[in-house]
Amino acid sequence: MLIKCVVITGSTKGIGLGLAEEFLERDCAVVISGRSKQRLETEARRLAQRFGERRVLGHVCDVTEYAQVR
């Protein structure tokens, strides 16, 4: 079974979060990211409860900081 993995930046609210939910609905695994650790943990936990822990990973990252993106 092939599992697709999608990385979505800025995905703890709004369009990014909506995209994460849609990809999860389509049996993909997702990596969500955002600058707020608290918001990221909250959304990652919520998505993991709904879609399974093995399919959701959260990573704090500010994409304007090159070292964090690396």
N, C-alpha and C. Protein backbone atom coordinates (compact mmCIF):
# COMPACT_ATOMS: atom_id res chain seq x y z
N MET A 1 0.83 -1.17 0.00
CA MET A 1 0.00 0.00 0.00
C MET A 1 0.88 1.25 0.00
N LEU A 2 0.66 2.13 -0.93
CA LEU A 2 1.41 3.37 -1.04
C LEU A 2 0.69 4.48 -0.29
N ILE A 3 1.41 5.11 0.63
CA ILE A 3 0.83 6.22 1.38
C ILE A 3 1.50 7.50 0.90
N LYS A 4 0.70 8.46 0.50
CA LYS A 4 1.22 9.75 0.09
C LYS A 4 1.35 10.64 1.32
N CYS A 5 2.43 11.40 1.35
CA CYS A 5 2.66 12.31 2.46
C CYS A 5 2.73 13.73 1.92
N VAL A 6 2.01 14.63 2.57
CA VAL A 6 1.93 16.02 2.15
C VAL A 6 2.44 16.90 3.29
N VAL A 7 3.32 17.85 2.97
CA VAL A 7 3.81 18.82 3.94
C VAL A 7 3.12 20.15 3.63
N ILE A 8 2.46 20.71 4.63
CA ILE A 8 1.71 21.95 4.44
C ILE A 8 2.22 22.99 5.43
N THR A 9 2.76 24.09 4.92
CA THR A 9 3.21 25.17 5.80
C THR A 9 2.03 26.06 6.16
N GLY A 10 2.12 26.67 7.33
CA GLY A 10 1.03 27.54 7.77
C GLY A 10 -0.29 26.81 7.86
N SER A 11 -0.27 25.65 8.49
CA SER A 11 -1.46 24.79 8.43
C SER A 11 -2.13 24.56 9.77
N THR A 12 -2.02 25.54 10.67
CA THR A 12 -2.71 25.40 11.95
C THR A 12 -4.02 26.16 11.99
N LYS A 13 -4.36 26.82 10.88
CA LYS A 13 -5.65 27.54 10.80
C LYS A 13 -5.95 27.84 9.34
N GLY A 14 -7.16 28.25 9.09
CA GLY A 14 -7.55 28.73 7.77
C GLY A 14 -7.41 27.72 6.65
N ILE A 15 -6.97 28.22 5.50
CA ILE A 15 -6.87 27.39 4.30
C ILE A 15 -5.90 26.23 4.49
N GLY A 16 -4.76 26.48 5.15
CA GLY A 16 -3.78 25.42 5.37
C GLY A 16 -4.34 24.26 6.18
N LEU A 17 -5.08 24.58 7.23
CA LEU A 17 -5.70 23.54 8.05
C LEU A 17 -6.77 22.81 7.25
N GLY A 18 -7.53 23.54 6.48
CA GLY A 18 -8.54 22.92 5.62
C GLY A 18 -7.92 21.96 4.63
N LEU A 19 -6.78 22.35 4.05
CA LEU A 19 -6.08 21.46 3.12
C LEU A 19 -5.61 20.19 3.83
N ALA A 20 -5.08 20.36 5.04
CA ALA A 20 -4.62 19.19 5.80
C ALA A 20 -5.77 18.21 6.02
N GLU A 21 -6.93 18.73 6.40
CA GLU A 21 -8.09 17.86 6.63
C GLU A 21 -8.52 17.17 5.34
N GLU A 22 -8.51 17.88 4.23
CA GLU A 22 -8.90 17.28 2.95
C GLU A 22 -7.94 16.19 2.51
N PHE A 23 -6.64 16.41 2.67
CA PHE A 23 -5.67 15.38 2.31
C PHE A 23 -5.82 14.15 3.22
N LEU A 24 -6.08 14.38 4.51
CA LEU A 24 -6.30 13.26 5.42
C LEU A 24 -7.56 12.48 5.03
N GLU A 25 -8.59 13.19 4.62
CA GLU A 25 -9.81 12.52 4.15
C GLU A 25 -9.52 11.61 2.96
N ARG A 26 -8.50 11.95 2.19
CA ARG A 26 -8.13 11.19 0.99
C ARG A 26 -7.00 10.19 1.27
N ASP A 27 -6.87 9.78 2.54
CA ASP A 27 -5.93 8.75 2.97
C ASP A 27 -4.46 9.11 2.82
N CYS A 28 -4.15 10.39 2.82
CA CYS A 28 -2.75 10.83 2.83
C CYS A 28 -2.30 11.01 4.28
N ALA A 29 -1.00 11.00 4.48
CA ALA A 29 -0.41 11.41 5.74
C ALA A 29 -0.04 12.88 5.57
N VAL A 30 -0.08 13.65 6.66
CA VAL A 30 0.25 15.07 6.55
C VAL A 30 1.24 15.50 7.63
N VAL A 31 2.05 16.47 7.27
CA VAL A 31 2.90 17.18 8.22
C VAL A 31 2.36 18.60 8.23
N ILE A 32 1.88 19.02 9.40
CA ILE A 32 1.40 20.39 9.52
C ILE A 32 2.48 21.21 10.23
N SER A 33 2.51 22.49 9.93
CA SER A 33 3.50 23.35 10.58
C SER A 33 2.92 24.73 10.81
N GLY A 34 3.54 25.41 11.74
CA GLY A 34 3.14 26.78 12.07
C GLY A 34 4.12 27.34 13.08
N ARG A 35 4.00 28.63 13.35
CA ARG A 35 4.94 29.29 14.27
C ARG A 35 4.57 29.11 15.73
N SER A 36 3.29 28.91 16.03
CA SER A 36 2.83 28.80 17.41
C SER A 36 2.85 27.35 17.87
N LYS A 37 3.71 27.05 18.83
CA LYS A 37 3.81 25.68 19.34
C LYS A 37 2.49 25.22 19.95
N GLN A 38 1.85 26.10 20.71
CA GLN A 38 0.59 25.73 21.37
C GLN A 38 -0.49 25.41 20.34
N ARG A 39 -0.66 26.28 19.35
CA ARG A 39 -1.68 26.04 18.33
C ARG A 39 -1.36 24.78 17.53
N LEU A 40 -0.09 24.60 17.22
CA LEU A 40 0.33 23.42 16.46
C LEU A 40 0.01 22.14 17.21
N GLU A 41 0.35 22.11 18.49
CA GLU A 41 0.07 20.91 19.29
C GLU A 41 -1.42 20.64 19.38
N THR A 42 -2.21 21.69 19.55
CA THR A 42 -3.66 21.54 19.65
C THR A 42 -4.24 20.95 18.36
N GLU A 43 -3.86 21.50 17.22
CA GLU A 43 -4.41 21.04 15.94
C GLU A 43 -3.88 19.66 15.58
N ALA A 44 -2.61 19.40 15.84
CA ALA A 44 -2.04 18.07 15.54
C ALA A 44 -2.75 17.00 16.36
N ARG A 45 -3.01 17.30 17.62
CA ARG A 45 -3.72 16.34 18.50
C ARG A 45 -5.14 16.11 17.99
N ARG A 46 -5.83 17.18 17.62
CA ARG A 46 -7.20 17.06 17.12
C ARG A 46 -7.25 16.23 15.84
N LEU A 47 -6.35 16.51 14.92
CA LEU A 47 -6.32 15.74 13.66
C LEU A 47 -5.95 14.28 13.91
N ALA A 48 -4.99 14.06 14.82
CA ALA A 48 -4.57 12.69 15.13
C ALA A 48 -5.71 11.88 15.75
N GLN A 49 -6.50 12.52 16.59
CA GLN A 49 -7.64 11.82 17.19
C GLN A 49 -8.66 11.43 16.13
N ARG A 50 -8.81 12.27 15.15
CA ARG A 50 -9.81 12.02 14.10
C ARG A 50 -9.32 11.06 13.02
N PHE A 51 -8.03 11.18 12.65
CA PHE A 51 -7.52 10.43 11.50
C PHE A 51 -6.45 9.39 11.85
N GLY A 52 -5.98 9.40 13.09
CA GLY A 52 -4.96 8.43 13.50
C GLY A 52 -3.59 9.08 13.68
N GLU A 53 -2.94 8.72 14.77
CA GLU A 53 -1.65 9.30 15.11
C GLU A 53 -0.57 9.02 14.08
N ARG A 54 -0.65 7.90 13.40
CA ARG A 54 0.38 7.54 12.43
C ARG A 54 0.32 8.38 11.16
N ARG A 55 -0.75 9.14 10.97
CA ARG A 55 -0.91 9.91 9.74
C ARG A 55 -0.73 11.40 9.92
N VAL A 56 -0.45 11.86 11.16
CA VAL A 56 -0.33 13.29 11.42
C VAL A 56 0.96 13.58 12.19
N LEU A 57 1.72 14.54 11.69
CA LEU A 57 2.93 15.00 12.38
C LEU A 57 2.90 16.52 12.39
N GLY A 58 3.21 17.11 13.53
CA GLY A 58 3.28 18.56 13.64
C GLY A 58 4.71 19.00 13.87
N HIS A 59 5.09 20.11 13.23
CA HIS A 59 6.45 20.62 13.36
C HIS A 59 6.41 22.15 13.43
N VAL A 60 6.92 22.71 14.53
CA VAL A 60 6.98 24.16 14.66
C VAL A 60 8.02 24.68 13.68
N CYS A 61 7.60 25.66 12.88
CA CYS A 61 8.51 26.18 11.87
C CYS A 61 8.04 27.55 11.38
N ASP A 62 8.96 28.49 11.34
CA ASP A 62 8.71 29.80 10.74
C ASP A 62 9.43 29.78 9.39
N VAL A 63 8.67 29.74 8.31
CA VAL A 63 9.27 29.59 6.98
C VAL A 63 10.10 30.79 6.55
N THR A 64 10.03 31.89 7.30
CA THR A 64 10.88 33.03 6.98
C THR A 64 12.28 32.86 7.56
N GLU A 65 12.47 31.83 8.40
CA GLU A 65 13.77 31.53 8.99
C GLU A 65 14.37 30.31 8.29
N TYR A 66 15.38 30.54 7.45
CA TYR A 66 15.97 29.48 6.64
C TYR A 66 16.42 28.29 7.48
N ALA A 67 17.05 28.55 8.62
CA ALA A 67 17.55 27.46 9.45
C ALA A 67 16.42 26.55 9.94
N GLN A 68 15.26 27.11 10.20
CA GLN A 68 14.13 26.29 10.64
C GLN A 68 13.56 25.45 9.51
N VAL A 69 13.59 25.98 8.31
CA VAL A 69 13.07 25.22 7.16
C VAL A 69 14.00 24.06 6.84
N ARG A 70 15.27 24.27 6.95
CA ARG A 70 16.24 23.20 6.68
C ARG A 70 16.01 22.04 7.59
